[in-house]
Amino acid sequence: MSNIDWFYLRRPLIILALALLVSAGVAVAGYYYENSQREQYEVALSKLNSTHQLYANMVNDIDLLDQYRNRYGEYKSSGLIGEERRLSWIESLESTNEVLRLPTLTYNLNPQEDFKRPGFKLERDVSVMSSPMDLAIGMLHEEDLFALLEGLRLSIRNLFTVDSCSIVRQGPVDRSLDTRQANLRTQCTIRWVTINAK
């Protein structure tokens, strides 16, 4: 067995040890650098996903805003939003009666007041008002009332509600065959609804 000459091997061993230390240092530094870069990548990816979500939400909000703006414009042009359009309501009632040719139809449009219903709640700065209209109708038969209300609904896009209606027969039952005069007398109260956004 030969003796190892450590004097000659000392320098290569020191270089080897230094190389191993440098390699280990580079490996550790590379490991920490990789972890640091991975964390930065995950943070950047999270920000990208968050930005993408914000962008998608913004696009959805813009779409909703367009839909609501269009719907608001339709409601405003129809008269549901804004000032009350009393003349339009009367014209609609009279044009519907021209088609139905009811024996008698009189109306009284009362002053505007707050719209109140049980459980009806308002949010934000919105004021819902109603204009009561009393109707006195002479009818040939009960269907005339439904035809009048349906005609109103179709002829004007404003919203109205029916508060009450009462029907009383005029004269004896055998007179119901007379088509020249009212067989039924009806008293109704309807409310034209108007929304004012403050």
N, C-alpha and C. Protein backbone atom coordinates (compact mmCIF):
# COMPACT_ATOMS: atom_id res chain seq x y z
N MET A 1 0.84 -1.17 0.00
CA MET A 1 0.00 0.00 0.00
C MET A 1 0.89 1.23 0.00
N SER A 2 0.61 2.15 -0.91
CA SER A 2 1.48 3.32 -1.05
C SER A 2 1.05 4.40 -0.09
N ASN A 3 1.97 5.17 0.33
CA ASN A 3 1.69 6.30 1.22
C ASN A 3 1.18 7.47 0.38
N ILE A 4 0.17 8.17 0.94
CA ILE A 4 -0.39 9.33 0.25
C ILE A 4 0.45 10.53 0.63
N ASP A 5 0.87 11.22 -0.36
CA ASP A 5 1.68 12.41 -0.12
C ASP A 5 0.74 13.60 0.05
N TRP A 6 0.42 13.94 1.28
CA TRP A 6 -0.56 14.98 1.59
C TRP A 6 -0.04 16.37 1.21
N PHE A 7 1.25 16.48 1.13
CA PHE A 7 1.80 17.79 0.78
C PHE A 7 1.38 18.18 -0.63
N TYR A 8 1.43 17.21 -1.53
CA TYR A 8 1.04 17.50 -2.91
C TYR A 8 -0.48 17.55 -3.10
N LEU A 9 -1.16 16.84 -2.21
CA LEU A 9 -2.63 16.81 -2.35
C LEU A 9 -3.33 17.96 -1.60
N ARG A 10 -2.54 18.62 -0.77
CA ARG A 10 -3.17 19.67 0.04
C ARG A 10 -3.83 20.75 -0.82
N ARG A 11 -3.15 21.25 -1.81
CA ARG A 11 -3.71 22.31 -2.65
C ARG A 11 -4.95 21.84 -3.41
N PRO A 12 -4.91 20.70 -4.10
CA PRO A 12 -6.13 20.25 -4.78
C PRO A 12 -7.29 20.03 -3.81
N LEU A 13 -6.99 19.52 -2.59
CA LEU A 13 -8.07 19.29 -1.62
C LEU A 13 -8.67 20.62 -1.16
N ILE A 14 -7.79 21.60 -0.97
CA ILE A 14 -8.31 22.92 -0.57
C ILE A 14 -9.17 23.49 -1.69
N ILE A 15 -8.71 23.36 -2.93
CA ILE A 15 -9.49 23.86 -4.08
C ILE A 15 -10.82 23.11 -4.17
N LEU A 16 -10.73 21.78 -3.94
CA LEU A 16 -11.97 20.98 -3.97
C LEU A 16 -12.92 21.42 -2.88
N ALA A 17 -12.41 21.65 -1.67
CA ALA A 17 -13.24 22.08 -0.55
C ALA A 17 -13.85 23.44 -0.85
N LEU A 18 -13.01 24.34 -1.37
CA LEU A 18 -13.54 25.66 -1.72
C LEU A 18 -14.60 25.56 -2.82
N ALA A 19 -14.34 24.69 -3.80
CA ALA A 19 -15.32 24.50 -4.88
C ALA A 19 -16.62 23.95 -4.33
N LEU A 20 -16.49 22.98 -3.37
CA LEU A 20 -17.70 22.42 -2.75
C LEU A 20 -18.45 23.49 -1.96
N LEU A 21 -17.70 24.33 -1.21
CA LEU A 21 -18.34 25.40 -0.45
C LEU A 21 -19.02 26.41 -1.37
N VAL A 22 -18.31 26.78 -2.45
CA VAL A 22 -18.91 27.72 -3.41
C VAL A 22 -20.14 27.10 -4.05
N SER A 23 -20.03 25.81 -4.42
CA SER A 23 -21.19 25.12 -5.03
C SER A 23 -22.36 25.07 -4.06
N ALA A 24 -22.06 24.74 -2.80
CA ALA A 24 -23.13 24.71 -1.80
C ALA A 24 -23.74 26.09 -1.62
N GLY A 25 -22.88 27.11 -1.58
CA GLY A 25 -23.38 28.49 -1.44
C GLY A 25 -24.24 28.89 -2.62
N VAL A 26 -23.77 28.52 -3.83
CA VAL A 26 -24.55 28.83 -5.03
C VAL A 26 -25.88 28.08 -5.00
N ALA A 27 -25.85 26.81 -4.56
CA ALA A 27 -27.09 26.02 -4.49
C ALA A 27 -28.07 26.63 -3.50
N VAL A 28 -27.54 27.02 -2.30
CA VAL A 28 -28.42 27.64 -1.29
C VAL A 28 -28.96 28.97 -1.81
N ALA A 29 -28.05 29.77 -2.40
CA ALA A 29 -28.49 31.06 -2.95
C ALA A 29 -29.51 30.84 -4.06
N GLY A 30 -29.28 29.84 -4.91
CA GLY A 30 -30.23 29.52 -5.98
C GLY A 30 -31.58 29.09 -5.42
N TYR A 31 -31.55 28.30 -4.33
CA TYR A 31 -32.79 27.84 -3.70
C TYR A 31 -33.59 29.03 -3.19
N TYR A 32 -32.90 29.94 -2.45
CA TYR A 32 -33.59 31.12 -1.92
C TYR A 32 -34.04 32.05 -3.05
N TYR A 33 -33.23 32.18 -4.07
CA TYR A 33 -33.59 33.02 -5.21
C TYR A 33 -34.83 32.45 -5.91
N GLU A 34 -34.84 31.11 -6.08
CA GLU A 34 -36.00 30.46 -6.71
C GLU A 34 -37.25 30.67 -5.87
N ASN A 35 -37.14 30.51 -4.54
CA ASN A 35 -38.30 30.73 -3.67
C ASN A 35 -38.77 32.18 -3.74
N SER A 36 -37.78 33.10 -3.76
CA SER A 36 -38.14 34.51 -3.85
C SER A 36 -38.85 34.81 -5.17
N GLN A 37 -38.33 34.25 -6.27
CA GLN A 37 -38.95 34.46 -7.57
C GLN A 37 -40.34 33.81 -7.64
N ARG A 38 -40.48 32.63 -7.00
CA ARG A 38 -41.78 31.96 -6.99
C ARG A 38 -42.80 32.80 -6.22
N GLU A 39 -42.37 33.35 -5.07
CA GLU A 39 -43.27 34.21 -4.30
C GLU A 39 -43.67 35.44 -5.10
N GLN A 40 -42.69 36.06 -5.77
CA GLN A 40 -43.00 37.22 -6.59
C GLN A 40 -43.95 36.84 -7.73
N TYR A 41 -43.72 35.66 -8.30
CA TYR A 41 -44.60 35.19 -9.38
C TYR A 41 -46.03 34.99 -8.86
N GLU A 42 -46.15 34.37 -7.67
CA GLU A 42 -47.48 34.13 -7.11
C GLU A 42 -48.18 35.44 -6.77
N VAL A 43 -47.38 36.41 -6.22
CA VAL A 43 -47.96 37.72 -5.93
C VAL A 43 -48.41 38.39 -7.23
N ALA A 44 -47.56 38.33 -8.26
CA ALA A 44 -47.91 38.94 -9.55
C ALA A 44 -49.12 38.25 -10.16
N LEU A 45 -49.17 36.90 -10.04
CA LEU A 45 -50.32 36.15 -10.57
C LEU A 45 -51.59 36.52 -9.83
N SER A 46 -51.48 36.66 -8.50
CA SER A 46 -52.64 37.05 -7.70
C SER A 46 -53.13 38.45 -8.10
N LYS A 47 -52.18 39.37 -8.30
CA LYS A 47 -52.55 40.72 -8.73
C LYS A 47 -53.19 40.69 -10.12
N LEU A 48 -52.64 39.84 -10.99
CA LEU A 48 -53.21 39.72 -12.34
C LEU A 48 -54.63 39.19 -12.28
N ASN A 49 -54.85 38.14 -11.46
CA ASN A 49 -56.20 37.59 -11.32
C ASN A 49 -57.14 38.62 -10.71
N SER A 50 -56.63 39.36 -9.70
CA SER A 50 -57.46 40.39 -9.08
C SER A 50 -57.80 41.49 -10.08
N THR A 51 -56.81 41.90 -10.87
CA THR A 51 -57.05 42.93 -11.90
C THR A 51 -58.03 42.42 -12.95
N HIS A 52 -57.87 41.15 -13.34
CA HIS A 52 -58.78 40.57 -14.32
C HIS A 52 -60.20 40.53 -13.77
N GLN A 53 -60.35 40.18 -12.47
CA GLN A 53 -61.67 40.14 -11.85
C GLN A 53 -62.27 41.54 -11.78
N LEU A 54 -61.43 42.53 -11.41
CA LEU A 54 -61.90 43.92 -11.37
C LEU A 54 -62.34 44.38 -12.76
N TYR A 55 -61.58 43.99 -13.78
CA TYR A 55 -61.94 44.35 -15.15
C TYR A 55 -63.27 43.70 -15.56
N ALA A 56 -63.41 42.40 -15.22
CA ALA A 56 -64.66 41.70 -15.55
C ALA A 56 -65.83 42.35 -14.82
N ASN A 57 -65.62 42.71 -13.54
CA ASN A 57 -66.69 43.37 -12.78
C ASN A 57 -67.04 44.73 -13.39
N MET A 58 -65.99 45.45 -13.84
CA MET A 58 -66.22 46.75 -14.44
C MET A 58 -67.01 46.61 -15.75
N VAL A 59 -66.67 45.60 -16.55
CA VAL A 59 -67.41 45.36 -17.79
C VAL A 59 -68.87 45.03 -17.49
N ASN A 60 -69.08 44.17 -16.45
CA ASN A 60 -70.46 43.83 -16.06
C ASN A 60 -71.20 45.07 -15.56
N ASP A 61 -70.50 45.91 -14.77
CA ASP A 61 -71.13 47.13 -14.27
C ASP A 61 -71.50 48.07 -15.42
N ILE A 62 -70.63 48.16 -16.41
CA ILE A 62 -70.93 49.01 -17.57
C ILE A 62 -72.14 48.47 -18.32
N ASP A 63 -72.21 47.13 -18.48
CA ASP A 63 -73.37 46.52 -19.14
C ASP A 63 -74.65 46.80 -18.35
N LEU A 64 -74.56 46.61 -17.01
CA LEU A 64 -75.74 46.89 -16.17
C LEU A 64 -76.13 48.36 -16.26
N LEU A 65 -75.13 49.23 -16.26
CA LEU A 65 -75.41 50.66 -16.35
C LEU A 65 -76.11 50.99 -17.67
N ASP A 66 -75.66 50.37 -18.76
CA ASP A 66 -76.33 50.58 -20.05
C ASP A 66 -77.76 50.08 -20.02
N GLN A 67 -77.95 48.89 -19.43
CA GLN A 67 -79.31 48.34 -19.34
C GLN A 67 -80.21 49.24 -18.50
N TYR A 68 -79.69 49.67 -17.33
CA TYR A 68 -80.49 50.53 -16.46
C TYR A 68 -80.73 51.90 -17.10
N ARG A 69 -79.72 52.42 -17.82
CA ARG A 69 -79.90 53.71 -18.49
C ARG A 69 -80.98 53.60 -19.56
N ASN A 70 -80.94 52.51 -20.33
CA ASN A 70 -81.96 52.31 -21.36
C ASN A 70 -83.35 52.16 -20.74
N ARG A 71 -83.41 51.36 -19.67
CA ARG A 71 -84.70 51.15 -19.00
C ARG A 71 -85.20 52.45 -18.39
N TYR A 72 -84.28 53.21 -17.78
CA TYR A 72 -84.66 54.50 -17.20
C TYR A 72 -85.19 55.43 -18.29
N GLY A 73 -84.51 55.43 -19.45
CA GLY A 73 -84.98 56.27 -20.56
C GLY A 73 -86.37 55.86 -21.02
N GLU A 74 -86.61 54.54 -21.06
CA GLU A 74 -87.95 54.05 -21.46
C GLU A 74 -89.00 54.49 -20.44
N TYR A 75 -88.68 54.33 -19.15
CA TYR A 75 -89.63 54.73 -18.10
C TYR A 75 -89.89 56.24 -18.13
N LYS A 76 -88.82 56.99 -18.40
CA LYS A 76 -88.98 58.45 -18.44
C LYS A 76 -89.82 58.87 -19.64
N SER A 77 -89.57 58.24 -20.79
CA SER A 77 -90.35 58.60 -21.98
C SER A 77 -91.80 58.16 -21.86
N SER A 78 -92.04 57.08 -21.10
CA SER A 78 -93.42 56.62 -20.93
C SER A 78 -94.18 57.46 -19.90
N GLY A 79 -93.46 58.22 -19.08
CA GLY A 79 -94.12 59.05 -18.08
C GLY A 79 -94.16 58.43 -16.71
N LEU A 80 -93.62 57.23 -16.54
CA LEU A 80 -93.61 56.63 -15.21
C LEU A 80 -92.66 57.39 -14.29
N ILE A 81 -91.54 57.87 -14.85
CA ILE A 81 -90.57 58.65 -14.07
C ILE A 81 -90.65 60.10 -14.52
N GLY A 82 -90.73 60.98 -13.56
CA GLY A 82 -90.79 62.41 -13.87
C GLY A 82 -92.09 63.04 -13.40
N GLU A 83 -92.44 64.12 -14.03
CA GLU A 83 -93.67 64.83 -13.67
C GLU A 83 -94.89 64.04 -14.15
N GLU A 84 -95.99 64.22 -13.43
CA GLU A 84 -97.22 63.52 -13.82
C GLU A 84 -97.71 64.04 -15.17
N ARG A 85 -98.31 63.15 -15.94
CA ARG A 85 -98.80 63.50 -17.28
C ARG A 85 -100.32 63.34 -17.33
N ARG A 86 -100.97 64.24 -16.69
CA ARG A 86 -102.42 64.15 -16.53
C ARG A 86 -103.14 64.16 -17.89
N LEU A 87 -102.67 64.99 -18.81
CA LEU A 87 -103.31 65.08 -20.12
C LEU A 87 -103.21 63.74 -20.86
N SER A 88 -102.06 63.09 -20.76
CA SER A 88 -101.89 61.78 -21.43
C SER A 88 -102.85 60.75 -20.86
N TRP A 89 -103.04 60.77 -19.54
CA TRP A 89 -103.95 59.81 -18.93
C TRP A 89 -105.38 60.03 -19.42
N ILE A 90 -105.79 61.28 -19.47
CA ILE A 90 -107.15 61.59 -19.91
C ILE A 90 -107.33 61.23 -21.39
N GLU A 91 -106.34 61.57 -22.21
CA GLU A 91 -106.42 61.22 -23.63
C GLU A 91 -106.49 59.71 -23.82
N SER A 92 -105.72 58.96 -23.03
CA SER A 92 -105.76 57.50 -23.13
C SER A 92 -107.12 56.96 -22.73
N LEU A 93 -107.70 57.52 -21.67
CA LEU A 93 -109.03 57.08 -21.23
C LEU A 93 -110.08 57.38 -22.30
N GLU A 94 -110.01 58.56 -22.89
CA GLU A 94 -111.01 58.92 -23.90
C GLU A 94 -110.83 58.12 -25.19
N SER A 95 -109.58 57.86 -25.59
CA SER A 95 -109.37 57.06 -26.81
C SER A 95 -109.81 55.61 -26.59
N THR A 96 -109.62 55.09 -25.39
CA THR A 96 -110.11 53.73 -25.10
C THR A 96 -111.63 53.70 -25.16
N ASN A 97 -112.27 54.75 -24.64
CA ASN A 97 -113.74 54.80 -24.67
C ASN A 97 -114.27 54.97 -26.09
N GLU A 98 -113.51 55.62 -26.96
CA GLU A 98 -113.94 55.75 -28.36
C GLU A 98 -114.04 54.38 -29.02
N VAL A 99 -113.16 53.46 -28.61
CA VAL A 99 -113.21 52.10 -29.16
C VAL A 99 -114.35 51.32 -28.53
N LEU A 100 -114.51 51.42 -27.20
CA LEU A 100 -115.53 50.62 -26.50
C LEU A 100 -116.94 51.19 -26.65
N ARG A 101 -117.06 52.51 -26.79
CA ARG A 101 -118.36 53.20 -26.89
C ARG A 101 -119.27 52.84 -25.72
N LEU A 102 -118.75 53.09 -24.52
CA LEU A 102 -119.55 52.86 -23.31
C LEU A 102 -120.72 53.85 -23.27
N PRO A 103 -121.86 53.44 -22.71
CA PRO A 103 -123.00 54.36 -22.64
C PRO A 103 -122.65 55.68 -21.94
N THR A 104 -121.97 55.60 -20.81
CA THR A 104 -121.51 56.82 -20.13
C THR A 104 -120.15 56.57 -19.50
N LEU A 105 -119.35 57.61 -19.47
CA LEU A 105 -118.05 57.54 -18.79
C LEU A 105 -117.67 58.96 -18.36
N THR A 106 -117.61 59.15 -17.05
CA THR A 106 -117.14 60.43 -16.52
C THR A 106 -115.97 60.14 -15.57
N TYR A 107 -115.12 61.13 -15.43
CA TYR A 107 -113.93 60.93 -14.59
C TYR A 107 -113.63 62.21 -13.84
N ASN A 108 -112.91 62.04 -12.75
CA ASN A 108 -112.45 63.17 -11.95
C ASN A 108 -111.03 62.83 -11.50
N LEU A 109 -110.07 63.61 -11.95
CA LEU A 109 -108.66 63.39 -11.61
C LEU A 109 -108.30 64.26 -10.41
N ASN A 110 -108.01 63.63 -9.29
CA ASN A 110 -107.74 64.32 -8.03
C ASN A 110 -106.26 64.72 -7.93
N PRO A 111 -105.94 65.60 -6.96
CA PRO A 111 -104.54 66.03 -6.79
C PRO A 111 -103.62 64.86 -6.43
N GLN A 112 -102.37 65.04 -6.79
CA GLN A 112 -101.36 64.01 -6.54
C GLN A 112 -101.08 63.89 -5.04
N GLU A 113 -100.79 62.65 -4.61
CA GLU A 113 -100.50 62.39 -3.20
C GLU A 113 -99.48 61.25 -3.11
N ASP A 114 -98.98 61.02 -1.90
CA ASP A 114 -98.02 59.92 -1.70
C ASP A 114 -98.68 58.58 -2.00
N PHE A 115 -97.92 57.69 -2.60
CA PHE A 115 -98.40 56.33 -2.88
C PHE A 115 -98.14 55.48 -1.65
N LYS A 116 -99.19 54.99 -1.02
CA LYS A 116 -99.04 54.22 0.21
C LYS A 116 -99.72 52.87 0.06
N ARG A 117 -98.98 51.85 0.41
CA ARG A 117 -99.50 50.49 0.43
C ARG A 117 -98.90 49.77 1.63
N PRO A 118 -99.62 48.83 2.24
CA PRO A 118 -99.05 48.08 3.37
C PRO A 118 -97.79 47.33 2.93
N GLY A 119 -96.72 47.49 3.68
CA GLY A 119 -95.47 46.80 3.39
C GLY A 119 -94.65 47.42 2.28
N PHE A 120 -95.14 48.52 1.70
CA PHE A 120 -94.40 49.18 0.62
C PHE A 120 -93.34 50.08 1.21
N LYS A 121 -92.06 49.81 0.89
CA LYS A 121 -90.95 50.58 1.45
C LYS A 121 -90.18 51.26 0.33
N LEU A 122 -89.77 52.47 0.62
CA LEU A 122 -88.96 53.22 -0.34
C LEU A 122 -87.52 53.22 0.10
N GLU A 123 -86.62 53.14 -0.85
CA GLU A 123 -85.20 53.20 -0.56
C GLU A 123 -84.58 54.39 -1.30
N ARG A 124 -83.54 54.92 -0.68
CA ARG A 124 -82.79 56.03 -1.25
C ARG A 124 -83.68 57.26 -1.42
N ASP A 125 -83.30 58.12 -2.34
CA ASP A 125 -84.04 59.37 -2.54
C ASP A 125 -85.04 59.22 -3.68
N VAL A 126 -86.01 58.34 -3.49
CA VAL A 126 -87.04 58.11 -4.50
C VAL A 126 -88.39 58.42 -3.88
N SER A 127 -89.18 59.17 -4.60
CA SER A 127 -90.51 59.53 -4.16
C SER A 127 -91.53 58.90 -5.12
N VAL A 128 -92.40 58.07 -4.59
CA VAL A 128 -93.44 57.45 -5.41
C VAL A 128 -94.76 58.15 -5.10
N MET A 129 -95.34 58.75 -6.12
CA MET A 129 -96.58 59.51 -5.96
C MET A 129 -97.70 58.83 -6.77
N SER A 130 -98.92 59.16 -6.39
CA SER A 130 -100.06 58.62 -7.14
C SER A 130 -101.11 59.71 -7.31
N SER A 131 -101.77 59.64 -8.44
CA SER A 131 -102.85 60.59 -8.74
C SER A 131 -104.15 59.80 -8.85
N PRO A 132 -105.02 59.90 -7.83
CA PRO A 132 -106.28 59.14 -7.88
C PRO A 132 -107.22 59.69 -8.96
N MET A 133 -107.87 58.77 -9.64
CA MET A 133 -108.86 59.13 -10.65
C MET A 133 -110.15 58.37 -10.34
N ASP A 134 -111.22 59.11 -10.13
CA ASP A 134 -112.53 58.50 -9.89
C ASP A 134 -113.25 58.34 -11.22
N LEU A 135 -113.74 57.14 -11.47
CA LEU A 135 -114.45 56.84 -12.71
C LEU A 135 -115.90 56.49 -12.40
N ALA A 136 -116.82 57.05 -13.15
CA ALA A 136 -118.23 56.66 -13.10
C ALA A 136 -118.57 56.13 -14.48
N ILE A 137 -118.91 54.84 -14.54
CA ILE A 137 -119.07 54.17 -15.84
C ILE A 137 -120.46 53.56 -15.94
N GLY A 138 -121.13 53.87 -17.03
CA GLY A 138 -122.36 53.17 -17.37
C GLY A 138 -122.02 52.06 -18.36
N MET A 139 -122.35 50.80 -17.99
CA MET A 139 -121.92 49.66 -18.82
C MET A 139 -123.12 48.84 -19.26
N LEU A 140 -122.93 48.14 -20.38
CA LEU A 140 -123.94 47.20 -20.84
C LEU A 140 -123.83 45.88 -20.08
N HIS A 141 -122.59 45.44 -19.83
CA HIS A 141 -122.36 44.20 -19.06
C HIS A 141 -121.02 44.30 -18.35
N GLU A 142 -120.74 43.33 -17.46
CA GLU A 142 -119.56 43.38 -16.60
C GLU A 142 -118.25 43.39 -17.38
N GLU A 143 -118.24 42.77 -18.53
CA GLU A 143 -117.01 42.66 -19.29
C GLU A 143 -116.49 44.03 -19.75
N ASP A 144 -117.38 45.00 -19.83
CA ASP A 144 -116.96 46.35 -20.24
C ASP A 144 -115.91 46.92 -19.30
N LEU A 145 -116.03 46.62 -18.00
CA LEU A 145 -115.07 47.14 -17.04
C LEU A 145 -113.67 46.58 -17.32
N PHE A 146 -113.58 45.27 -17.53
CA PHE A 146 -112.28 44.65 -17.82
C PHE A 146 -111.72 45.13 -19.17
N ALA A 147 -112.62 45.33 -20.13
CA ALA A 147 -112.17 45.83 -21.44
C ALA A 147 -111.62 47.25 -21.31
N LEU A 148 -112.25 48.08 -20.47
CA LEU A 148 -111.76 49.44 -20.26
C LEU A 148 -110.38 49.44 -19.61
N LEU A 149 -110.21 48.63 -18.56
CA LEU A 149 -108.92 48.58 -17.87
C LEU A 149 -107.83 48.01 -18.77
N GLU A 150 -108.18 46.98 -19.54
CA GLU A 150 -107.19 46.40 -20.46
C GLU A 150 -106.85 47.38 -21.58
N GLY A 151 -107.84 48.10 -22.05
CA GLY A 151 -107.59 49.11 -23.08
C GLY A 151 -106.67 50.21 -22.57
N LEU A 152 -106.87 50.62 -21.32
CA LEU A 152 -105.98 51.61 -20.71
C LEU A 152 -104.55 51.08 -20.63
N ARG A 153 -104.44 49.84 -20.21
CA ARG A 153 -103.11 49.23 -20.05
C ARG A 153 -102.38 49.17 -21.38
N LEU A 154 -103.12 48.85 -22.45
CA LEU A 154 -102.49 48.72 -23.76
C LEU A 154 -102.22 50.06 -24.43
N SER A 155 -103.02 51.06 -24.12
CA SER A 155 -102.90 52.34 -24.84
C SER A 155 -101.86 53.27 -24.25
N ILE A 156 -101.47 53.04 -23.01
CA ILE A 156 -100.50 53.92 -22.38
C ILE A 156 -99.56 53.08 -21.52
N ARG A 157 -98.29 53.46 -21.49
CA ARG A 157 -97.31 52.64 -20.78
C ARG A 157 -97.15 53.06 -19.33
N ASN A 158 -97.92 54.04 -18.89
CA ASN A 158 -97.87 54.43 -17.49
C ASN A 158 -98.41 53.32 -16.61
N LEU A 159 -97.97 53.32 -15.37
CA LEU A 159 -98.44 52.33 -14.41
C LEU A 159 -99.64 52.88 -13.66
N PHE A 160 -100.68 52.08 -13.57
CA PHE A 160 -101.82 52.47 -12.74
C PHE A 160 -102.30 51.25 -11.95
N THR A 161 -102.90 51.53 -10.82
CA THR A 161 -103.45 50.46 -9.98
C THR A 161 -104.94 50.73 -9.79
N VAL A 162 -105.67 49.66 -9.52
CA VAL A 162 -107.10 49.78 -9.26
C VAL A 162 -107.30 49.68 -7.76
N ASP A 163 -107.78 50.77 -7.16
CA ASP A 163 -108.02 50.78 -5.71
C ASP A 163 -109.32 50.06 -5.36
N SER A 164 -110.39 50.42 -6.06
CA SER A 164 -111.69 49.82 -5.74
C SER A 164 -112.64 49.97 -6.92
N CYS A 165 -113.61 49.07 -6.96
CA CYS A 165 -114.68 49.14 -7.97
C CYS A 165 -115.95 48.58 -7.35
N SER A 166 -117.06 49.21 -7.65
CA SER A 166 -118.36 48.68 -7.23
C SER A 166 -119.30 48.72 -8.43
N ILE A 167 -120.09 47.67 -8.57
CA ILE A 167 -121.02 47.56 -9.71
C ILE A 167 -122.43 47.43 -9.15
N VAL A 168 -123.34 48.24 -9.69
CA VAL A 168 -124.74 48.20 -9.28
C VAL A 168 -125.59 48.05 -10.53
N ARG A 169 -126.56 47.12 -10.49
CA ARG A 169 -127.46 46.91 -11.62
C ARG A 169 -128.47 48.04 -11.69
N GLN A 170 -128.73 48.52 -12.91
CA GLN A 170 -129.70 49.58 -13.15
C GLN A 170 -131.01 48.94 -13.63
N GLY A 171 -132.06 49.04 -12.86
CA GLY A 171 -133.36 48.55 -13.29
C GLY A 171 -133.49 47.04 -13.16
N PRO A 172 -134.59 46.49 -13.60
CA PRO A 172 -134.85 45.05 -13.48
C PRO A 172 -133.95 44.22 -14.41
N VAL A 173 -133.90 42.91 -14.15
CA VAL A 173 -133.03 42.01 -14.90
C VAL A 173 -133.45 41.93 -16.37
N ASP A 174 -134.75 41.97 -16.67
CA ASP A 174 -135.20 41.83 -18.05
C ASP A 174 -134.78 43.03 -18.92
N ARG A 175 -134.36 44.13 -18.28
CA ARG A 175 -133.92 45.28 -19.04
C ARG A 175 -132.50 45.09 -19.59
N SER A 176 -131.82 44.02 -19.18
CA SER A 176 -130.44 43.80 -19.61
C SER A 176 -130.34 43.53 -21.10
N LEU A 177 -131.46 43.30 -21.76
CA LEU A 177 -131.43 43.08 -23.20
C LEU A 177 -131.33 44.40 -23.97
N ASP A 178 -131.54 45.51 -23.27
CA ASP A 178 -131.49 46.82 -23.92
C ASP A 178 -130.02 47.20 -24.14
N THR A 179 -129.64 47.41 -25.40
CA THR A 179 -128.24 47.73 -25.70
C THR A 179 -128.04 49.22 -25.96
N ARG A 180 -129.08 50.03 -25.70
CA ARG A 180 -128.96 51.46 -25.94
C ARG A 180 -128.62 52.26 -24.70
N GLN A 181 -128.88 51.71 -23.53
CA GLN A 181 -128.58 52.43 -22.30
C GLN A 181 -127.89 51.51 -21.31
N ALA A 182 -127.27 52.13 -20.28
CA ALA A 182 -126.47 51.37 -19.31
C ALA A 182 -127.34 50.44 -18.50
N ASN A 183 -126.91 49.18 -18.41
CA ASN A 183 -127.57 48.20 -17.56
C ASN A 183 -126.90 48.12 -16.18
N LEU A 184 -125.62 48.55 -16.12
CA LEU A 184 -124.85 48.50 -14.87
C LEU A 184 -124.20 49.87 -14.65
N ARG A 185 -124.12 50.24 -13.40
CA ARG A 185 -123.44 51.48 -13.02
C ARG A 185 -122.23 51.12 -12.18
N THR A 186 -121.04 51.62 -12.56
CA THR A 186 -119.80 51.25 -11.87
C THR A 186 -119.11 52.50 -11.36
N GLN A 187 -118.64 52.42 -10.12
CA GLN A 187 -117.81 53.46 -9.54
C GLN A 187 -116.44 52.83 -9.26
N CYS A 188 -115.38 53.40 -9.83
CA CYS A 188 -114.03 52.87 -9.63
C CYS A 188 -113.08 54.00 -9.25
N THR A 189 -112.08 53.63 -8.51
CA THR A 189 -110.97 54.55 -8.23
C THR A 189 -109.68 53.87 -8.67
N ILE A 190 -108.98 54.51 -9.61
CA ILE A 190 -107.69 54.01 -10.02
C ILE A 190 -106.63 55.04 -9.65
N ARG A 191 -105.39 54.61 -9.56
CA ARG A 191 -104.29 55.51 -9.21
C ARG A 191 -103.21 55.45 -10.28
N TRP A 192 -102.90 56.61 -10.83
CA TRP A 192 -101.79 56.71 -11.78
C TRP A 192 -100.52 56.95 -10.97
N VAL A 193 -99.52 56.09 -11.17
CA VAL A 193 -98.30 56.11 -10.38
C VAL A 193 -97.20 56.89 -11.11
N THR A 194 -96.53 57.76 -10.37
CA THR A 194 -95.40 58.53 -10.89
C THR A 194 -94.25 58.43 -9.92
N ILE A 195 -93.04 58.21 -10.45
CA ILE A 195 -91.86 58.09 -9.61
C ILE A 195 -90.98 59.31 -9.86
N ASN A 196 -90.58 59.94 -8.76
CA ASN A 196 -89.68 61.10 -8.84
C ASN A 196 -88.38 60.74 -8.14
N ALA A 197 -87.28 60.74 -8.89
CA ALA A 197 -85.97 60.50 -8.30
C ALA A 197 -85.36 61.84 -7.94
N LYS A 198 -85.02 62.00 -6.66
CA LYS A 198 -84.49 63.28 -6.19
C LYS A 198 -83.01 63.36 -6.50
